[in-house]
Amino acid sequence: MRVKICGITQPDQGRAIANLGTTTLGFICVSGSPRYVTPEQIAAIAISLPETIERIGVFVNESLDQIVHTVHRGQLTGIQLHGQESPQECQRLRQALPQIELIKAIRVKTSADLKQSLSYVDFVDTLLMDAYHPQQFGGTGITLDWQSLQEFTPPLSLVSGWRTYP
């Protein structure tokens, strides 16, 4: 089972969480977030982690150049996109970073959002289904309507986001 904890900001925090058995740490790369970390901070945390721990940068509507810089400087193994990134933007990221896991979060408000998410399957590794919130892009604490996913079977990995802890 894959367990990802987001919002890591300190090396000792990352090590402690890794030692508890998590498989993946998430780093918030959104400058307006109280849990924002710079690429340099991510790098300082990454060097203190076992190599087996996946390191995912969480971005919202960030430029390709900034994402590529953060991936390289922060030694990230994956990217999680929580904004309004288009399938074409995901394709450009895939081309720029072919060895990096690409996760696209879909804010599910209606069944149309589920159908629209299928336009990403050729460009991402995983779809993350998140509950819709009008002002926030993730980590809201709102539970997704699980019933809405019963008939939804995309041809790639599917996970559901629920909550990001401080």
N, C-alpha and C. Protein backbone atom coordinates (compact mmCIF):
# COMPACT_ATOMS: atom_id res chain seq x y z
N MET A 1 0.84 -1.17 0.00
CA MET A 1 0.00 0.00 0.00
C MET A 1 0.89 1.24 0.00
N ARG A 2 0.49 2.19 -0.78
CA ARG A 2 1.21 3.46 -0.85
C ARG A 2 0.57 4.45 0.13
N VAL A 3 1.41 5.03 0.99
CA VAL A 3 0.93 6.01 1.95
C VAL A 3 1.73 7.29 1.73
N LYS A 4 1.02 8.39 1.41
CA LYS A 4 1.68 9.67 1.17
C LYS A 4 1.21 10.68 2.22
N ILE A 5 2.18 11.31 2.85
CA ILE A 5 1.91 12.38 3.81
C ILE A 5 2.43 13.67 3.20
N CYS A 6 1.57 14.68 3.12
CA CYS A 6 1.94 15.96 2.51
C CYS A 6 2.17 17.03 3.57
N GLY A 7 2.87 18.07 3.14
CA GLY A 7 3.08 19.22 4.00
C GLY A 7 4.36 19.17 4.79
N ILE A 8 5.32 18.36 4.37
CA ILE A 8 6.59 18.22 5.07
C ILE A 8 7.39 19.52 4.89
N THR A 9 7.93 20.05 6.00
CA THR A 9 8.66 21.31 5.93
C THR A 9 10.05 21.25 6.58
N GLN A 10 10.35 20.21 7.33
CA GLN A 10 11.61 20.14 8.08
C GLN A 10 12.26 18.76 7.90
N PRO A 11 13.61 18.70 7.87
CA PRO A 11 14.29 17.40 7.73
C PRO A 11 13.93 16.41 8.83
N ASP A 12 13.88 16.84 10.09
CA ASP A 12 13.57 15.90 11.18
C ASP A 12 12.14 15.39 11.07
N GLN A 13 11.24 16.23 10.61
CA GLN A 13 9.86 15.83 10.39
C GLN A 13 9.78 14.77 9.29
N GLY A 14 10.49 14.99 8.19
CA GLY A 14 10.50 14.03 7.09
C GLY A 14 11.06 12.69 7.52
N ARG A 15 12.17 12.71 8.25
CA ARG A 15 12.78 11.45 8.73
C ARG A 15 11.84 10.71 9.66
N ALA A 16 11.22 11.45 10.59
CA ALA A 16 10.31 10.81 11.55
C ALA A 16 9.14 10.15 10.84
N ILE A 17 8.56 10.83 9.87
CA ILE A 17 7.42 10.27 9.14
C ILE A 17 7.86 9.08 8.30
N ALA A 18 9.03 9.18 7.68
CA ALA A 18 9.56 8.06 6.89
C ALA A 18 9.79 6.84 7.79
N ASN A 19 10.27 7.06 9.00
CA ASN A 19 10.53 5.96 9.93
C ASN A 19 9.25 5.30 10.44
N LEU A 20 8.12 5.98 10.30
CA LEU A 20 6.84 5.41 10.72
C LEU A 20 6.23 4.50 9.65
N GLY A 21 6.88 4.43 8.48
CA GLY A 21 6.41 3.49 7.46
C GLY A 21 5.75 4.11 6.25
N THR A 22 5.71 5.41 6.15
CA THR A 22 5.15 6.01 4.95
C THR A 22 6.03 5.66 3.74
N THR A 23 5.44 5.64 2.59
CA THR A 23 6.20 5.34 1.37
C THR A 23 6.53 6.59 0.57
N THR A 24 5.76 7.65 0.82
CA THR A 24 5.86 8.85 -0.02
C THR A 24 5.66 10.10 0.83
N LEU A 25 6.52 11.10 0.58
CA LEU A 25 6.36 12.39 1.23
C LEU A 25 5.98 13.42 0.18
N GLY A 26 5.07 14.31 0.55
CA GLY A 26 4.64 15.37 -0.35
C GLY A 26 5.13 16.72 0.12
N PHE A 27 5.61 17.52 -0.82
CA PHE A 27 6.14 18.84 -0.53
C PHE A 27 5.29 19.88 -1.25
N ILE A 28 4.79 20.86 -0.51
CA ILE A 28 3.90 21.87 -1.07
C ILE A 28 4.74 22.95 -1.75
N CYS A 29 4.63 23.05 -3.05
CA CYS A 29 5.41 23.98 -3.87
C CYS A 29 4.53 25.13 -4.35
N VAL A 30 3.63 25.57 -3.49
CA VAL A 30 2.69 26.64 -3.79
C VAL A 30 3.02 27.78 -2.84
N SER A 31 3.55 28.87 -3.38
CA SER A 31 4.10 29.94 -2.53
C SER A 31 3.08 30.54 -1.56
N GLY A 32 1.82 30.51 -1.85
CA GLY A 32 0.81 31.07 -0.95
C GLY A 32 0.42 30.17 0.20
N SER A 33 0.91 28.94 0.21
CA SER A 33 0.54 27.98 1.26
C SER A 33 1.39 28.17 2.51
N PRO A 34 0.78 27.99 3.69
CA PRO A 34 1.59 28.05 4.92
C PRO A 34 2.60 26.91 5.02
N ARG A 35 2.45 25.86 4.22
CA ARG A 35 3.38 24.73 4.23
C ARG A 35 4.33 24.76 3.02
N TYR A 36 4.42 25.90 2.36
CA TYR A 36 5.30 26.06 1.21
C TYR A 36 6.76 25.82 1.59
N VAL A 37 7.44 25.08 0.71
CA VAL A 37 8.89 24.87 0.86
C VAL A 37 9.56 25.19 -0.47
N THR A 38 10.75 25.76 -0.38
CA THR A 38 11.53 26.10 -1.57
C THR A 38 12.21 24.84 -2.10
N PRO A 39 12.69 24.88 -3.33
CA PRO A 39 13.45 23.73 -3.85
C PRO A 39 14.66 23.41 -2.97
N GLU A 40 15.30 24.43 -2.41
CA GLU A 40 16.46 24.22 -1.54
C GLU A 40 16.05 23.52 -0.24
N GLN A 41 14.90 23.89 0.31
CA GLN A 41 14.41 23.22 1.52
C GLN A 41 14.07 21.76 1.23
N ILE A 42 13.47 21.52 0.08
CA ILE A 42 13.16 20.13 -0.30
C ILE A 42 14.45 19.33 -0.41
N ALA A 43 15.47 19.90 -1.04
CA ALA A 43 16.75 19.20 -1.18
C ALA A 43 17.35 18.87 0.18
N ALA A 44 17.26 19.80 1.13
CA ALA A 44 17.80 19.56 2.47
C ALA A 44 17.05 18.42 3.18
N ILE A 45 15.77 18.32 2.94
CA ILE A 45 14.98 17.22 3.52
C ILE A 45 15.29 15.92 2.79
N ALA A 46 15.36 15.97 1.47
CA ALA A 46 15.56 14.77 0.65
C ALA A 46 16.87 14.05 0.99
N ILE A 47 17.93 14.80 1.25
CA ILE A 47 19.22 14.13 1.53
C ILE A 47 19.21 13.39 2.86
N SER A 48 18.23 13.69 3.72
CA SER A 48 18.17 13.01 5.01
C SER A 48 17.23 11.80 4.99
N LEU A 49 16.66 11.50 3.83
CA LEU A 49 15.67 10.42 3.73
C LEU A 49 16.28 9.16 3.13
N PRO A 50 15.73 8.00 3.48
CA PRO A 50 16.14 6.78 2.78
C PRO A 50 15.81 6.91 1.29
N GLU A 51 16.61 6.30 0.44
CA GLU A 51 16.40 6.39 -1.01
C GLU A 51 15.08 5.80 -1.45
N THR A 52 14.51 4.91 -0.65
CA THR A 52 13.26 4.25 -1.02
C THR A 52 12.04 5.15 -0.86
N ILE A 53 12.17 6.27 -0.19
CA ILE A 53 11.04 7.17 0.03
C ILE A 53 10.82 8.01 -1.22
N GLU A 54 9.60 7.95 -1.76
CA GLU A 54 9.25 8.79 -2.91
C GLU A 54 9.04 10.22 -2.43
N ARG A 55 9.39 11.18 -3.29
CA ARG A 55 9.29 12.59 -2.94
C ARG A 55 8.49 13.31 -4.04
N ILE A 56 7.29 13.75 -3.67
CA ILE A 56 6.36 14.34 -4.64
C ILE A 56 6.21 15.83 -4.37
N GLY A 57 6.41 16.63 -5.41
CA GLY A 57 6.15 18.07 -5.32
C GLY A 57 4.72 18.36 -5.74
N VAL A 58 4.02 19.12 -4.92
CA VAL A 58 2.63 19.47 -5.19
C VAL A 58 2.59 20.91 -5.73
N PHE A 59 2.06 21.07 -6.95
CA PHE A 59 2.05 22.36 -7.64
C PHE A 59 0.63 22.75 -8.04
N VAL A 60 0.41 24.07 -8.13
CA VAL A 60 -0.87 24.61 -8.61
C VAL A 60 -0.56 25.67 -9.66
N ASN A 61 -0.90 25.38 -10.90
CA ASN A 61 -0.78 26.34 -11.99
C ASN A 61 0.62 26.97 -12.09
N GLU A 62 1.64 26.17 -11.93
CA GLU A 62 3.03 26.64 -11.96
C GLU A 62 3.59 26.50 -13.38
N SER A 63 4.60 27.29 -13.70
CA SER A 63 5.20 27.23 -15.03
C SER A 63 6.03 25.95 -15.19
N LEU A 64 6.16 25.52 -16.42
CA LEU A 64 6.97 24.35 -16.74
C LEU A 64 8.40 24.55 -16.25
N ASP A 65 8.98 25.72 -16.51
CA ASP A 65 10.37 25.96 -16.10
C ASP A 65 10.54 25.85 -14.58
N GLN A 66 9.59 26.39 -13.82
CA GLN A 66 9.70 26.34 -12.36
C GLN A 66 9.55 24.90 -11.86
N ILE A 67 8.65 24.15 -12.45
CA ILE A 67 8.47 22.75 -12.05
C ILE A 67 9.74 21.96 -12.34
N VAL A 68 10.30 22.11 -13.52
CA VAL A 68 11.51 21.39 -13.89
C VAL A 68 12.65 21.77 -12.94
N HIS A 69 12.80 23.06 -12.64
CA HIS A 69 13.84 23.50 -11.70
C HIS A 69 13.64 22.85 -10.33
N THR A 70 12.41 22.87 -9.84
CA THR A 70 12.12 22.32 -8.51
C THR A 70 12.38 20.81 -8.48
N VAL A 71 11.99 20.10 -9.53
CA VAL A 71 12.23 18.66 -9.59
C VAL A 71 13.72 18.36 -9.49
N HIS A 72 14.52 19.06 -10.29
CA HIS A 72 15.96 18.80 -10.29
C HIS A 72 16.63 19.25 -9.00
N ARG A 73 16.34 20.46 -8.55
CA ARG A 73 16.99 20.99 -7.34
C ARG A 73 16.51 20.24 -6.10
N GLY A 74 15.23 19.92 -6.04
CA GLY A 74 14.67 19.26 -4.86
C GLY A 74 14.78 17.75 -4.86
N GLN A 75 15.33 17.18 -5.93
CA GLN A 75 15.47 15.73 -6.04
C GLN A 75 14.13 15.00 -5.91
N LEU A 76 13.13 15.55 -6.59
CA LEU A 76 11.80 14.96 -6.54
C LEU A 76 11.71 13.74 -7.44
N THR A 77 10.86 12.79 -7.05
CA THR A 77 10.60 11.61 -7.87
C THR A 77 9.25 11.70 -8.57
N GLY A 78 8.47 12.73 -8.23
CA GLY A 78 7.17 12.88 -8.83
C GLY A 78 6.61 14.28 -8.69
N ILE A 79 5.58 14.53 -9.49
CA ILE A 79 4.89 15.82 -9.54
C ILE A 79 3.40 15.55 -9.37
N GLN A 80 2.76 16.34 -8.52
CA GLN A 80 1.32 16.27 -8.35
C GLN A 80 0.75 17.64 -8.71
N LEU A 81 -0.09 17.69 -9.73
CA LEU A 81 -0.66 18.93 -10.23
C LEU A 81 -2.08 19.10 -9.71
N HIS A 82 -2.33 20.21 -9.00
CA HIS A 82 -3.63 20.44 -8.38
C HIS A 82 -4.39 21.61 -8.97
N GLY A 83 -3.87 22.23 -10.02
CA GLY A 83 -4.53 23.41 -10.58
C GLY A 83 -5.34 23.09 -11.81
N GLN A 84 -5.42 24.08 -12.69
CA GLN A 84 -6.17 23.94 -13.93
C GLN A 84 -5.26 23.57 -15.09
N GLU A 85 -4.25 22.78 -14.83
CA GLU A 85 -3.32 22.36 -15.88
C GLU A 85 -4.07 21.53 -16.93
N SER A 86 -3.82 21.87 -18.17
CA SER A 86 -4.50 21.18 -19.28
C SER A 86 -3.80 19.87 -19.61
N PRO A 87 -4.46 19.00 -20.37
CA PRO A 87 -3.78 17.80 -20.85
C PRO A 87 -2.52 18.14 -21.65
N GLN A 88 -2.56 19.24 -22.41
CA GLN A 88 -1.40 19.64 -23.20
C GLN A 88 -0.23 20.05 -22.30
N GLU A 89 -0.53 20.72 -21.20
CA GLU A 89 0.53 21.07 -20.25
C GLU A 89 1.12 19.82 -19.61
N CYS A 90 0.28 18.85 -19.33
CA CYS A 90 0.77 17.57 -18.78
C CYS A 90 1.65 16.86 -19.81
N GLN A 91 1.27 16.94 -21.07
CA GLN A 91 2.07 16.32 -22.12
C GLN A 91 3.45 16.99 -22.20
N ARG A 92 3.50 18.31 -22.09
CA ARG A 92 4.79 19.01 -22.11
C ARG A 92 5.65 18.63 -20.91
N LEU A 93 5.02 18.49 -19.74
CA LEU A 93 5.76 18.04 -18.56
C LEU A 93 6.29 16.63 -18.75
N ARG A 94 5.48 15.76 -19.30
CA ARG A 94 5.89 14.37 -19.56
C ARG A 94 7.11 14.36 -20.48
N GLN A 95 7.10 15.21 -21.49
CA GLN A 95 8.23 15.27 -22.42
C GLN A 95 9.48 15.84 -21.74
N ALA A 96 9.30 16.84 -20.89
CA ALA A 96 10.44 17.46 -20.21
C ALA A 96 11.02 16.58 -19.11
N LEU A 97 10.16 15.79 -18.47
CA LEU A 97 10.56 14.97 -17.32
C LEU A 97 10.04 13.54 -17.48
N PRO A 98 10.54 12.80 -18.47
CA PRO A 98 9.95 11.49 -18.78
C PRO A 98 10.09 10.44 -17.68
N GLN A 99 11.07 10.58 -16.79
CA GLN A 99 11.28 9.57 -15.74
C GLN A 99 10.56 9.91 -14.43
N ILE A 100 9.85 11.02 -14.40
CA ILE A 100 9.21 11.49 -13.18
C ILE A 100 7.73 11.08 -13.19
N GLU A 101 7.25 10.56 -12.06
CA GLU A 101 5.83 10.22 -11.94
C GLU A 101 5.01 11.50 -12.04
N LEU A 102 3.93 11.43 -12.80
CA LEU A 102 3.06 12.59 -12.99
C LEU A 102 1.66 12.23 -12.51
N ILE A 103 1.21 12.97 -11.50
CA ILE A 103 -0.11 12.77 -10.89
C ILE A 103 -0.94 14.01 -11.19
N LYS A 104 -2.13 13.83 -11.71
CA LYS A 104 -3.02 14.97 -11.95
C LYS A 104 -4.22 14.86 -11.03
N ALA A 105 -4.38 15.88 -10.18
CA ALA A 105 -5.54 15.94 -9.29
C ALA A 105 -6.73 16.52 -10.05
N ILE A 106 -7.85 15.89 -9.88
CA ILE A 106 -9.10 16.34 -10.50
C ILE A 106 -10.06 16.71 -9.37
N ARG A 107 -10.51 17.94 -9.37
CA ARG A 107 -11.47 18.39 -8.36
C ARG A 107 -12.86 17.99 -8.85
N VAL A 108 -13.44 17.01 -8.20
CA VAL A 108 -14.70 16.41 -8.65
C VAL A 108 -15.89 17.12 -8.02
N LYS A 109 -16.62 17.81 -8.87
CA LYS A 109 -17.87 18.46 -8.45
C LYS A 109 -19.07 17.73 -9.03
N THR A 110 -18.93 17.30 -10.31
CA THR A 110 -20.02 16.61 -10.99
C THR A 110 -19.46 15.42 -11.77
N SER A 111 -20.34 14.62 -12.31
CA SER A 111 -19.89 13.48 -13.13
C SER A 111 -19.16 13.95 -14.39
N ALA A 112 -19.44 15.16 -14.83
CA ALA A 112 -18.72 15.70 -16.00
C ALA A 112 -17.23 15.85 -15.70
N ASP A 113 -16.87 16.13 -14.44
CA ASP A 113 -15.46 16.23 -14.07
C ASP A 113 -14.77 14.88 -14.21
N LEU A 114 -15.47 13.81 -13.89
CA LEU A 114 -14.91 12.47 -14.05
C LEU A 114 -14.66 12.18 -15.53
N LYS A 115 -15.63 12.51 -16.37
CA LYS A 115 -15.47 12.28 -17.81
C LYS A 115 -14.33 13.11 -18.36
N GLN A 116 -14.22 14.35 -17.92
CA GLN A 116 -13.17 15.25 -18.41
C GLN A 116 -11.79 14.74 -17.99
N SER A 117 -11.70 14.06 -16.86
CA SER A 117 -10.40 13.56 -16.39
C SER A 117 -9.80 12.54 -17.35
N LEU A 118 -10.64 11.89 -18.15
CA LEU A 118 -10.13 10.88 -19.09
C LEU A 118 -9.23 11.50 -20.17
N SER A 119 -9.33 12.81 -20.38
CA SER A 119 -8.47 13.45 -21.38
C SER A 119 -7.01 13.51 -20.93
N TYR A 120 -6.74 13.16 -19.67
CA TYR A 120 -5.37 13.18 -19.14
C TYR A 120 -4.67 11.82 -19.20
N VAL A 121 -5.39 10.74 -19.46
CA VAL A 121 -4.83 9.41 -19.26
C VAL A 121 -3.61 9.09 -20.12
N ASP A 122 -3.46 9.73 -21.25
CA ASP A 122 -2.30 9.47 -22.10
C ASP A 122 -1.04 10.19 -21.63
N PHE A 123 -1.19 11.10 -20.67
CA PHE A 123 -0.07 11.96 -20.28
C PHE A 123 0.34 11.85 -18.82
N VAL A 124 -0.46 11.20 -17.99
CA VAL A 124 -0.15 11.10 -16.57
C VAL A 124 -0.10 9.64 -16.14
N ASP A 125 0.52 9.41 -15.00
CA ASP A 125 0.60 8.05 -14.45
C ASP A 125 -0.58 7.73 -13.55
N THR A 126 -1.07 8.77 -12.86
CA THR A 126 -2.09 8.57 -11.85
C THR A 126 -3.07 9.74 -11.86
N LEU A 127 -4.35 9.43 -11.67
CA LEU A 127 -5.36 10.45 -11.43
C LEU A 127 -5.67 10.45 -9.95
N LEU A 128 -5.67 11.63 -9.35
CA LEU A 128 -6.03 11.79 -7.94
C LEU A 128 -7.37 12.50 -7.91
N MET A 129 -8.38 11.82 -7.41
CA MET A 129 -9.71 12.39 -7.35
C MET A 129 -9.88 13.10 -6.00
N ASP A 130 -10.16 14.39 -6.07
CA ASP A 130 -10.25 15.21 -4.87
C ASP A 130 -11.63 15.85 -4.82
N ALA A 131 -12.13 16.06 -3.62
CA ALA A 131 -13.42 16.72 -3.46
C ALA A 131 -13.29 18.18 -3.89
N TYR A 132 -14.31 18.66 -4.55
CA TYR A 132 -14.32 20.04 -5.03
C TYR A 132 -14.49 21.01 -3.87
N HIS A 133 -13.71 22.07 -3.90
CA HIS A 133 -13.88 23.20 -2.98
C HIS A 133 -13.71 24.46 -3.83
N PRO A 134 -14.61 25.44 -3.71
CA PRO A 134 -14.55 26.59 -4.61
C PRO A 134 -13.30 27.47 -4.46
N GLN A 135 -12.68 27.50 -3.28
CA GLN A 135 -11.52 28.36 -3.08
C GLN A 135 -10.20 27.63 -2.86
N GLN A 136 -10.23 26.33 -2.61
CA GLN A 136 -9.01 25.61 -2.28
C GLN A 136 -8.75 24.51 -3.30
N PHE A 137 -7.45 24.21 -3.51
CA PHE A 137 -7.06 23.23 -4.51
C PHE A 137 -6.68 21.88 -3.93
N GLY A 138 -6.87 21.64 -2.68
CA GLY A 138 -6.52 20.35 -2.08
C GLY A 138 -6.26 20.50 -0.61
N GLY A 139 -6.26 19.37 0.09
CA GLY A 139 -6.02 19.41 1.52
C GLY A 139 -7.12 20.12 2.27
N THR A 140 -8.36 19.97 1.81
CA THR A 140 -9.47 20.71 2.40
C THR A 140 -10.12 19.99 3.57
N GLY A 141 -9.92 18.70 3.68
CA GLY A 141 -10.61 17.92 4.70
C GLY A 141 -11.99 17.47 4.27
N ILE A 142 -12.41 17.85 3.07
CA ILE A 142 -13.72 17.45 2.56
C ILE A 142 -13.58 16.07 1.91
N THR A 143 -14.48 15.18 2.25
CA THR A 143 -14.46 13.83 1.69
C THR A 143 -15.16 13.81 0.34
N LEU A 144 -14.54 13.16 -0.60
CA LEU A 144 -15.13 12.98 -1.92
C LEU A 144 -16.36 12.08 -1.81
N ASP A 145 -17.34 12.32 -2.65
CA ASP A 145 -18.52 11.46 -2.72
C ASP A 145 -18.10 10.13 -3.36
N TRP A 146 -17.86 9.13 -2.53
CA TRP A 146 -17.36 7.84 -3.00
C TRP A 146 -18.31 7.18 -3.98
N GLN A 147 -19.60 7.42 -3.85
CA GLN A 147 -20.58 6.82 -4.76
C GLN A 147 -20.34 7.27 -6.20
N SER A 148 -19.84 8.50 -6.37
CA SER A 148 -19.62 9.02 -7.72
C SER A 148 -18.53 8.26 -8.45
N LEU A 149 -17.69 7.52 -7.73
CA LEU A 149 -16.59 6.78 -8.35
C LEU A 149 -16.93 5.32 -8.66
N GLN A 150 -18.10 4.85 -8.24
CA GLN A 150 -18.44 3.43 -8.40
C GLN A 150 -18.35 2.94 -9.84
N GLU A 151 -18.82 3.71 -10.78
CA GLU A 151 -18.84 3.30 -12.17
C GLU A 151 -17.65 3.83 -12.97
N PHE A 152 -16.78 4.56 -12.31
CA PHE A 152 -15.66 5.20 -12.99
C PHE A 152 -14.44 4.28 -12.97
N THR A 153 -13.99 3.85 -14.14
CA THR A 153 -12.86 2.93 -14.22
C THR A 153 -11.86 3.38 -15.28
N PRO A 154 -11.03 4.37 -14.94
CA PRO A 154 -10.03 4.84 -15.91
C PRO A 154 -8.95 3.78 -16.12
N PRO A 155 -8.24 3.83 -17.25
CA PRO A 155 -7.24 2.81 -17.56
C PRO A 155 -5.87 3.07 -16.94
N LEU A 156 -5.83 3.69 -15.75
CA LEU A 156 -4.58 3.91 -15.04
C LEU A 156 -4.85 3.99 -13.55
N SER A 157 -3.81 4.18 -12.76
CA SER A 157 -3.97 4.24 -11.31
C SER A 157 -4.91 5.37 -10.92
N LEU A 158 -5.70 5.10 -9.90
CA LEU A 158 -6.67 6.06 -9.41
C LEU A 158 -6.57 6.10 -7.89
N VAL A 159 -6.38 7.29 -7.35
CA VAL A 159 -6.35 7.44 -5.90
C VAL A 159 -7.30 8.55 -5.52
N SER A 160 -7.64 8.61 -4.26
CA SER A 160 -8.51 9.66 -3.78
C SER A 160 -7.80 10.44 -2.70
N GLY A 161 -7.84 11.76 -2.84
CA GLY A 161 -7.28 12.63 -1.81
C GLY A 161 -8.33 12.94 -0.79
N TRP A 162 -7.91 13.07 0.45
CA TRP A 162 -8.88 13.43 1.47
C TRP A 162 -8.39 14.58 2.30
N ARG A 163 -7.21 14.45 2.88
CA ARG A 163 -6.79 15.49 3.78
C ARG A 163 -5.27 15.60 3.83
N THR A 164 -4.78 16.81 3.91
CA THR A 164 -3.37 17.06 4.12
C THR A 164 -3.21 17.57 5.54
N TYR A 165 -2.34 16.93 6.28
CA TYR A 165 -2.15 17.32 7.67
C TYR A 165 -1.02 18.33 7.78
N PRO A 166 -1.16 19.32 8.72
CA PRO A 166 -0.10 20.33 8.88
C PRO A 166 1.20 19.72 9.36
